[in-house]
Protein backbone atom coordinates (compact mmCIF):
# COMPACT_ATOMS: atom_id res chain seq x y z
CA MET A 1 108.82 108.87 103.35
CA HIS A 2 105.77 107.87 101.31
CA ARG A 3 103.94 110.09 98.88
CA LYS A 4 100.59 111.17 100.19
CA MET A 5 97.48 109.95 98.43
CA THR A 6 95.23 112.38 96.57
CA ALA A 7 92.49 111.57 99.03
CA LEU A 8 94.39 113.52 101.68
CA ALA A 9 92.65 116.62 100.40
CA MET A 10 89.40 115.14 101.73
CA ILE A 11 90.48 115.14 105.39
CA ALA A 12 87.88 116.79 107.56
CA PHE A 13 89.00 119.51 109.94
CA VAL A 14 86.02 120.25 112.15
CA VAL A 15 85.38 122.41 115.21
CA PHE A 16 84.05 121.00 118.46
CA ALA A 17 82.42 123.47 120.82
CA ALA A 18 83.50 123.23 124.46
CA GLY A 19 81.55 125.91 126.23
CA ALA A 20 82.46 129.11 124.43
CA VAL A 21 85.83 127.82 123.27
CA GLY A 22 86.28 126.11 119.88
CA GLN A 23 88.87 123.37 119.55
CA GLU A 24 90.30 122.24 116.23
CA ALA A 25 90.15 118.51 115.62
CA ILE A 26 90.74 115.82 113.01
CA GLU A 27 87.78 113.58 112.29
CA LEU A 28 87.26 110.77 109.79
CA GLN A 29 83.54 111.16 109.33
CA ASP A 30 82.66 108.30 106.97
CA LEU A 31 83.94 105.24 108.83
CA HIS A 32 81.47 102.37 108.82
CA LEU A 33 80.12 102.36 112.38
CA VAL A 34 79.21 98.76 113.15
CA SER A 35 79.79 96.69 116.26
CA TRP A 36 79.99 93.02 117.10
CA GLU A 37 76.35 93.16 118.23
CA ASP A 38 75.47 93.73 114.54
CA VAL A 39 77.11 90.46 113.45
CA PRO A 40 74.89 87.36 113.46
CA GLY A 41 76.16 84.95 116.09
CA GLY A 42 78.70 87.49 117.30
CA ASN A 43 80.28 87.68 120.74
CA PRO A 44 82.59 90.22 122.41
CA ALA A 45 85.64 88.63 120.74
CA TYR A 46 84.22 89.79 117.38
CA ALA A 47 85.39 93.34 118.19
CA GLY A 48 88.74 92.46 116.55
CA PRO A 49 87.22 91.08 113.33
CA VAL A 50 84.77 94.00 113.18
CA SER A 51 87.59 96.52 113.65
CA SER A 52 89.52 94.86 110.83
CA ALA A 53 86.48 94.93 108.55
CA ILE A 54 85.92 98.64 109.29
CA LEU A 55 89.54 99.28 108.33
CA MET A 56 89.02 97.41 105.03
CA ALA A 57 85.84 99.39 104.34
CA TRP A 58 87.67 102.67 104.84
CA HIS A 59 90.48 101.84 102.43
CA ALA A 60 87.95 100.41 99.94
CA GLN A 61 86.20 103.79 99.94
CA HIS A 62 89.50 105.54 99.30
CA GLY A 63 90.68 103.82 96.15
CA TYR A 64 91.32 100.17 97.13
CA SER A 65 87.92 98.74 96.28
CA ARG A 66 88.97 95.08 96.31
CA LEU A 67 89.31 95.26 100.08
CA LEU A 68 85.50 95.35 100.41
CA PRO A 69 83.43 94.16 97.43
CA ASP A 70 79.67 93.58 97.39
CA LEU A 71 79.73 90.51 99.59
CA ASN A 72 75.98 90.22 100.20
CA GLY A 73 75.03 90.68 96.53
CA ASP A 74 72.62 93.57 97.03
CA GLY A 75 74.23 95.74 94.36
CA ARG A 76 75.95 98.19 96.69
CA VAL A 77 78.85 98.28 99.14
CA ASP A 78 77.86 99.47 102.60
CA GLU A 79 77.78 98.48 106.26
CA GLY A 80 76.05 95.20 105.41
CA ASP A 81 79.15 94.11 103.51
CA THR A 82 81.35 95.21 106.39
CA ILE A 83 79.37 92.87 108.63
CA GLU A 84 79.78 90.03 106.10
CA LEU A 85 83.54 90.60 106.03
CA ALA A 86 83.65 90.68 109.83
CA MET A 87 82.09 87.20 109.84
CA SER A 88 84.89 85.93 107.58
CA PHE A 89 87.54 87.57 109.74
CA ALA A 90 85.94 86.00 112.81
CA ASP A 91 86.65 82.55 111.35
CA ALA A 92 90.22 83.44 110.43
CA MET A 93 90.94 85.05 113.82
CA ARG A 94 89.35 82.24 115.89
CA ALA A 95 86.79 84.56 117.49
CA GLN A 96 84.43 81.64 118.08
CA GLY A 97 86.68 80.61 120.96
CA GLY A 98 85.82 83.81 122.80
CA VAL A 99 89.27 85.44 122.49
CA VAL A 100 91.16 87.03 119.59
CA TRP A 101 94.90 87.24 120.24
CA ASP A 102 96.95 89.90 118.47
CA PRO A 103 98.99 87.49 116.27
CA TYR A 104 95.83 86.00 114.75
CA LEU A 105 94.43 89.45 113.98
CA VAL A 106 97.71 90.64 112.48
CA ASP A 107 98.27 87.56 110.31
CA SER A 108 94.68 87.36 109.07
CA LEU A 109 94.58 91.05 108.18
CA ALA A 110 98.00 91.00 106.49
CA GLU A 111 97.15 87.92 104.42
CA TYR A 112 93.82 89.41 103.34
CA VAL A 113 95.41 92.68 102.18
CA ALA A 114 98.42 91.06 100.53
CA ASP A 115 96.20 88.69 98.57
CA ARG A 116 94.11 91.54 97.13
CA TYR A 117 96.80 94.22 96.76
CA PRO A 118 100.21 92.56 96.73
CA ASP A 119 103.12 94.95 97.38
CA VAL A 120 100.81 97.95 97.71
CA PHE A 121 100.65 98.32 101.52
CA GLU A 122 102.89 98.29 104.53
CA MET A 123 101.45 97.27 107.88
CA TRP A 124 102.80 99.29 110.79
CA ILE A 125 102.35 97.62 114.17
CA TYR A 126 102.96 99.72 117.26
CA ASP A 127 103.53 96.91 119.74
CA PRO A 128 107.09 95.83 120.63
CA SER A 129 105.72 92.84 122.56
CA LEU A 130 104.25 91.23 119.42
CA PRO A 131 107.20 88.85 118.77
CA GLU A 132 106.80 87.43 122.27
CA GLU A 133 103.06 86.96 121.68
CA TYR A 134 103.83 85.15 118.41
CA GLU A 135 106.02 82.64 120.19
CA MET A 136 103.41 82.17 122.90
CA HIS A 137 100.31 81.70 120.75
CA LEU A 138 101.60 80.45 117.39
CA GLY A 139 104.65 78.51 118.51
CA ARG A 140 106.92 80.11 115.91
CA PRO A 141 109.13 83.21 115.68
CA PHE A 142 107.67 86.46 114.41
CA ASP A 143 108.85 87.08 110.84
CA PRO A 144 108.12 90.57 109.42
CA ALA A 145 108.68 89.19 105.91
CA GLY A 146 106.74 85.99 106.49
CA ILE A 147 103.67 86.99 104.45
CA PRO A 148 104.49 87.60 100.78
CA GLY A 149 103.02 90.78 99.30
CA ILE A 150 103.09 93.00 102.38
CA VAL A 151 105.85 94.53 104.48
CA ILE A 152 105.20 94.36 108.24
CA MET A 153 107.02 97.00 110.25
CA LEU A 154 107.27 96.66 114.02
CA ARG A 155 107.25 100.07 115.69
CA GLU A 156 107.54 101.60 119.15
CA GLU A 157 104.86 101.57 121.85
CA PRO A 158 101.58 103.12 120.65
CA SER A 159 101.09 106.75 121.65
CA HIS A 160 98.90 109.78 121.17
CA HIS A 161 101.41 111.03 118.61
CA ALA A 162 101.03 107.89 116.46
CA PHE A 163 97.23 107.97 116.91
CA VAL A 164 97.09 111.57 115.59
CA GLU A 165 99.80 111.24 112.96
CA HIS A 166 97.93 108.54 111.08
CA LEU A 167 94.57 110.29 111.38
CA GLU A 168 96.18 113.37 109.81
CA ALA A 169 97.21 111.16 106.90
CA MET A 170 93.69 109.69 106.65
CA ARG A 171 94.79 106.34 108.04
CA PRO A 172 92.57 104.97 110.79
CA GLY A 173 94.05 102.12 112.80
CA VAL A 174 92.91 99.09 114.75
CA VAL A 175 93.40 99.98 118.41
CA GLY A 176 94.00 97.25 120.99
CA LEU A 177 93.68 98.08 124.67
CA GLY A 178 94.11 95.86 127.67
CA PHE A 179 96.44 94.54 130.33
CA GLU A 180 99.06 91.92 129.46
CA PRO A 181 98.84 88.96 129.17
CA GLU A 182 95.07 89.28 128.70
CA ALA A 183 93.52 89.50 125.25
CA ASN A 184 92.86 92.99 123.94
CA ASP A 185 89.59 94.77 123.32
CA PHE A 186 89.57 96.35 119.86
CA ALA A 187 88.18 99.55 118.32
CA VAL A 188 89.13 101.85 115.41
CA SER A 189 90.70 105.29 115.73
CA ARG A 190 88.35 107.98 114.43
CA SER A 191 89.08 111.49 115.71
CA ALA A 192 91.35 113.55 117.94
CA ARG A 193 91.06 117.07 119.30
CA LEU A 194 94.27 119.00 118.92
CA HIS A 195 94.18 120.58 122.36
CA GLU A 196 95.09 118.85 125.60
CA GLU A 197 92.68 119.00 128.52
CA PRO A 198 93.68 118.69 132.20
CA ASP A 199 92.92 114.93 132.25
CA GLY A 200 94.34 114.05 128.85
CA TRP A 201 93.90 114.33 125.08
CA PRO A 202 90.28 113.97 123.83
CA VAL A 203 89.91 111.26 121.18
CA ASP A 204 87.12 109.05 119.92
CA LEU A 205 86.97 105.63 118.32
CA ALA A 206 84.50 103.52 116.35
CA ASN A 207 82.68 101.65 119.09
CA THR A 208 82.96 98.00 118.01
CA SER A 209 81.92 96.60 121.39
CA ARG A 210 79.22 98.82 122.82
CA ASP A 211 78.83 97.03 126.11
CA ALA A 212 82.54 97.51 126.79
CA PHE A 213 82.95 101.07 125.54
CA GLY A 214 79.64 102.70 126.47
CA PRO A 215 76.46 103.61 124.58
CA GLY A 216 76.40 104.78 120.98
CA ALA A 217 78.38 104.08 117.84
CA VAL A 218 81.29 106.34 118.84
CA TRP A 219 83.36 105.96 122.00
CA GLU A 220 84.48 109.36 123.30
CA THR A 221 87.42 109.05 125.67
CA LEU A 222 90.76 110.51 126.73
CA LEU A 223 94.38 109.49 126.14
CA ARG A 224 97.02 110.30 128.71
CA ASP A 225 100.71 109.58 129.06
CA ALA A 226 101.43 107.14 131.90
CA SER A 227 104.87 106.24 133.15
CA GLU A 228 105.26 103.12 130.98
CA HIS A 229 102.60 103.52 128.30
CA TRP A 230 99.71 105.65 127.11
CA GLU A 231 96.28 104.92 128.57
CA PHE A 232 92.63 105.28 127.55
CA GLU A 233 89.99 106.32 130.06
CA ARG A 234 87.25 103.69 130.39
CA GLY A 235 85.79 104.07 133.85
CA GLY A 236 89.41 103.85 134.98
CA TRP A 237 92.59 103.88 132.91
CA ILE A 238 93.51 100.98 130.63
CA PRO A 239 96.75 100.62 128.59
CA PHE A 240 96.95 101.56 124.91
CA GLU A 241 98.42 98.19 123.99
CA THR A 242 98.43 98.01 120.17
CA LEU A 243 97.94 100.15 117.08
CA VAL A 244 97.79 98.45 113.66
CA VAL A 245 97.81 100.78 110.64
CA LEU A 246 97.87 100.11 106.89
CA VAL A 247 100.14 102.51 105.02
CA PRO A 248 99.64 102.61 101.23
CA ILE A 249 102.98 102.84 99.42
CA ARG A 250 101.43 103.23 95.98
CA GLU A 251 98.05 103.86 94.47
CA PRO A 252 96.14 100.99 92.82
CA ASP A 253 96.99 100.94 89.12
CA GLU A 254 94.30 100.58 86.48
CA GLY A 255 94.26 96.99 85.33
CA GLU A 256 96.06 95.45 88.30
CA PRO A 257 95.37 91.74 88.82
CA ASN A 258 91.86 91.15 90.12
CA ASP A 259 90.89 94.79 89.46
CA PRO A 260 87.12 94.96 89.98
CA GLY A 261 86.74 97.74 87.42
CA ASP A 262 84.33 100.62 87.92
CA ASP A 263 81.70 98.69 89.88
CA PRO A 264 82.79 98.35 93.51
CA GLY A 265 80.12 95.70 94.00
CA ASP A 266 81.71 93.23 91.58
CA ASP A 267 83.64 90.26 92.89
CA PRO A 268 87.17 91.27 91.87
CA GLY A 269 88.28 87.83 90.83
CA ASP A 270 85.25 87.04 88.66
CA ASP A 271 84.83 90.30 86.74
CA PRO A 272 85.02 89.61 83.00
CA GLY A 273 84.80 93.40 82.39
CA ASP A 274 84.38 95.26 79.15
CA ASP A 275 86.83 98.00 80.15
CA PRO A 276 89.80 97.92 77.76
CA GLY A 277 91.98 98.79 80.74
CA ASP A 278 91.17 95.52 82.49
CA ASP A 279 93.93 93.01 83.00
CA PRO A 280 93.79 90.79 79.90
CA GLY A 281 94.95 87.82 81.92
CA ASP A 282 91.71 87.87 83.90
CA ASP A 283 89.41 89.05 81.11
CA PRO A 284 87.92 86.41 78.82
CA GLY A 285 87.15 89.07 76.21
CA ASP A 286 87.78 89.13 72.49
CA ASP A 287 91.28 90.61 72.56
CA PRO A 288 93.37 88.36 70.27
CA GLY A 289 96.37 89.14 72.45
CA ASP A 290 94.88 87.43 75.48
CA ASP A 291 96.75 84.46 76.86
CA PRO A 292 94.73 81.45 75.69
CA GLY A 293 95.90 79.46 78.71
CA ASP A 294 94.03 81.83 81.01
CA ASP A 295 91.00 82.34 78.80
CA PRO A 296 88.17 79.94 79.63
CA GLY A 297 86.05 81.54 76.92
CA GLY A 298 88.33 80.23 74.17
CA ASP A 299 87.70 76.59 75.00
CA PRO A 300 84.43 75.32 73.51
CA GLN A 301 84.60 72.16 75.61
CA GLY A 302 85.04 74.20 78.81
CA THR A 303 88.02 72.12 79.96
CA LYS A 304 90.21 75.06 81.04
CA LEU A 305 89.05 75.00 84.66
CA PRO A 306 90.60 75.34 88.08
CA ASN A 307 91.50 72.07 89.77
CA LEU A 308 91.97 72.38 93.52
CA TRP A 309 93.89 69.82 95.54
CA VAL A 310 95.87 69.62 98.79
CA THR A 311 99.27 68.09 99.56
CA ASP A 312 102.02 68.06 102.19
CA MET A 313 99.87 68.03 105.30
CA THR A 314 101.71 68.22 108.59
CA GLY A 315 100.53 68.55 112.18
CA CYS A 316 101.96 69.06 115.63
CA TRP A 317 100.69 70.08 119.03
CA SER A 318 101.57 72.24 122.03
CA TRP A 319 100.01 73.18 125.36
CA SER A 320 97.63 76.10 125.74
CA GLN A 321 99.20 79.11 127.44
CA ASP A 322 96.89 79.01 130.45
CA THR A 323 95.86 76.62 133.21
CA ARG A 324 93.35 74.63 131.13
CA GLU A 325 95.84 72.02 129.85
CA HIS A 326 94.32 72.09 126.37
CA VAL A 327 95.96 70.65 123.29
CA ILE A 328 96.64 73.32 120.65
CA ALA A 329 97.20 71.73 117.24
CA THR A 330 98.89 73.44 114.31
CA VAL A 331 97.85 71.89 110.98
CA THR A 332 99.53 72.93 107.73
CA GLY A 333 99.15 71.97 104.08
CA ILE A 334 99.55 73.28 100.55
CA VAL A 335 96.54 74.11 98.37
CA HIS A 336 97.24 73.81 94.63
CA ASN A 337 95.41 74.96 91.55
CA GLY A 338 96.40 72.30 89.06
CA GLY A 339 93.94 73.48 86.44
CA GLN A 340 94.25 75.89 83.55
CA ALA A 341 92.27 78.85 84.89
CA THR A 342 92.48 81.15 87.90
CA ALA A 343 90.47 80.22 90.99
CA THR A 344 89.32 83.20 93.07
CA ASN A 345 88.02 83.51 96.62
CA VAL A 346 89.40 80.10 97.57
CA ARG A 347 88.96 78.93 101.14
CA ALA A 348 90.13 75.83 102.96
CA LEU A 349 88.53 73.97 105.85
CA VAL A 350 91.16 72.69 108.29
CA MET A 351 90.04 70.04 110.79
CA GLY A 352 91.58 68.16 113.69
CA ASN A 353 89.67 65.75 115.96
CA GLY A 354 86.41 67.30 114.76
CA VAL A 355 87.46 70.91 115.51
CA SER A 356 87.50 73.06 112.38
CA LYS A 357 88.58 76.44 111.13
CA THR A 358 88.04 78.08 107.74
CA VAL A 359 91.14 79.73 106.28
CA THR A 360 91.16 82.24 103.42
CA VAL A 361 93.45 81.08 100.63
CA GLY A 362 92.50 83.88 98.21
CA THR A 363 93.30 83.85 94.52
CA LEU A 364 95.23 80.96 92.96
CA ALA A 365 96.41 81.40 89.40
CA ALA A 366 96.67 78.34 87.17
CA GLY A 367 99.57 76.25 88.42
CA ALA A 368 99.95 78.28 91.63
CA GLN A 369 99.98 77.03 95.19
CA LYS A 370 99.70 78.52 98.69
CA THR A 371 100.52 77.19 102.12
CA VAL A 372 97.62 77.24 104.57
CA SER A 373 97.92 76.85 108.31
CA ALA A 374 95.44 76.83 111.17
CA THR A 375 95.81 76.53 114.92
CA LEU A 376 93.02 74.56 116.59
CA ASP A 377 92.12 74.22 120.25
CA LEU A 378 91.33 70.50 120.46
CA GLY A 379 90.26 70.54 124.09
CA SER A 380 91.59 68.94 127.24
CA ILE A 381 94.54 66.56 127.06
CA ASP A 382 92.40 64.04 128.94
CA THR A 383 89.93 63.83 126.08
CA MET A 384 92.46 63.43 123.27
CA VAL A 385 92.53 60.43 120.98
CA TRP A 386 95.95 59.77 119.45
CA PRO A 387 96.96 59.92 116.68
CA VAL A 388 95.08 63.14 115.92
CA GLN A 389 93.06 62.78 112.72
CA THR A 390 93.30 65.84 110.47
CA SER A 391 92.06 66.96 107.07
CA ILE A 392 92.22 69.96 104.77
CA THR A 393 89.49 70.58 102.20
CA ALA A 394 89.87 73.25 99.52
CA ASP A 395 86.68 75.20 98.73
CA PRO A 396 84.61 73.14 101.20
CA ASN A 397 81.38 74.99 100.40
CA HIS A 398 81.79 74.57 96.62
CA GLN A 399 81.54 78.29 95.97
CA ILE A 400 83.88 78.00 93.00
CA THR A 401 81.24 76.29 90.91
CA GLU A 402 83.44 75.75 87.86
CA ALA A 403 86.26 74.05 89.77
CA ASP A 404 87.17 70.38 89.54
CA GLU A 405 87.14 69.29 93.19
CA THR A 406 87.28 65.51 92.85
CA ASN A 407 90.54 65.41 94.85
CA ASN A 408 90.29 68.56 96.98
CA THR A 409 90.51 66.84 100.41
CA THR A 410 93.57 65.34 102.04
CA ASN A 411 93.51 63.35 105.29
CA SER A 412 96.37 62.73 107.65
CA ALA A 413 97.20 62.21 111.33
CA PHE A 414 99.97 63.00 113.76
CA PRO A 415 101.08 61.13 116.91
CA GLN A 416 101.39 62.40 120.46
CA ALA A 417 105.16 62.51 120.02
CA ASN A 418 104.85 65.14 117.29
CA THR A 419 105.14 68.33 119.38
CA CYS A 420 105.59 71.80 117.90
CA HIS A 421 109.01 73.45 118.21
C-alpha cells in the first residue's frame, strides 16, 4: 500500500550457523542497544520509554533526523541521546510510578512523532484490547484520529507474521509482552530467523530490561503460536500482547517545518541554517521574501518573541483500577503562544495536590495553541484535601530563554463532585 523507502536496500540478510546448517535471517544491526539500567534514576518501568527512544533513534538514522537530535549537546547523535530521550519519555509515560500502561506509551509516542513530522507517519498498533485499556486507564474512549498529525491504525493480535513483515520493511516495533490485566514488559524487535524450529520461531529483541530478559544487550528467544495468541519463551511462555510500529507514508521533504538541516545534532526548532533549502518561515536569514512576522532578526528592539500562557484549565477525578483506592486526577489546559515568534521544545508542568508530571507540548507557532492533559495519581482517598489544587506552567524550566513567561502559570481547583465521565 505504501511506497517503500530507499533505505530498504540497506536491509541486512545474514546467515546464522546452527551446527552445520545455515539459516537465513533478517537482522537490523544498528539499533541503539540501551536498557533502563543505563538511564539515571531508571527502574524496570523505564523499559517502555527506552523502547520508544530506541524506535526514535532508528527512524532518525533512516532519514527522520528530528526524531532524535543532539539532546546532550556533545556534537553527535548516539546512544547517549537515546538515553536522554528515554528520560523525557519516562516523564510523559508516568514511569516514575513503577508501571507504564499501553495507552500512555501509545499517546506519548504518537504525540512526539506527530509534533516533529506531522502527517508523515502512521502508527500501527497490533492490540485489539487497546480501546478497553484506554477506557480503564484514561477514562475516555479510544479515538484513532484523536492526535492531529498522525493516523493510528488498530490491527489484529500481534503475531510472528507481523513481527517479520515489519522487519523485512526495516521497521522495528515496540513489543509488549505480559498477561492481562498486568502492565507489559517492553523490548524492540530486532531479528528473525526464517526457519521454524521444533519449539518455535527464533527471534531476538533489543534487551531493554536485562534483569527480565536475561544477560546481554540482545534477548534471543522463540515465538510460538498458542491457541489464543502468540507467545515468547522467557523461562516459560508469556503472551505477545502488543506490537507498535511506525509506518512512514512519505519521505521527509527538504525544507519541511523544523527541518534540522544537514547537522543531525542541531535542535530542529532553533536552527537558523544557511541552507537555501531551509524553511524560510523558521530561518531568520537575509531572504527579503521571509515573513517579517516570523523573523526575529528583523526587529532591532527584539520584541518579536514567543509569549507563553495557559487558559481553560479543567480537572476531574476517578478511582484507580486496582484495590488501592487511589484518586486519579485528569488535569487539562490549553497552552498558547501569544507572541510573534515560534516557540520550540515547549513543555508544561501539570500539578495536582503536589503531584506533578511534565508534558511535551512541542512546537508552537506564533498565535498557535495546544491542549495539554496529564493524569496524576494523587494517592489514597483518605489523604485527599478537597478541592484539589491544580496548576499548569508552560516552560517551567525556562529553557526557552527568549520567551516572555510573565503569565505562563494558571492555577485552578476542582471539587470532589467533579468526577470524570
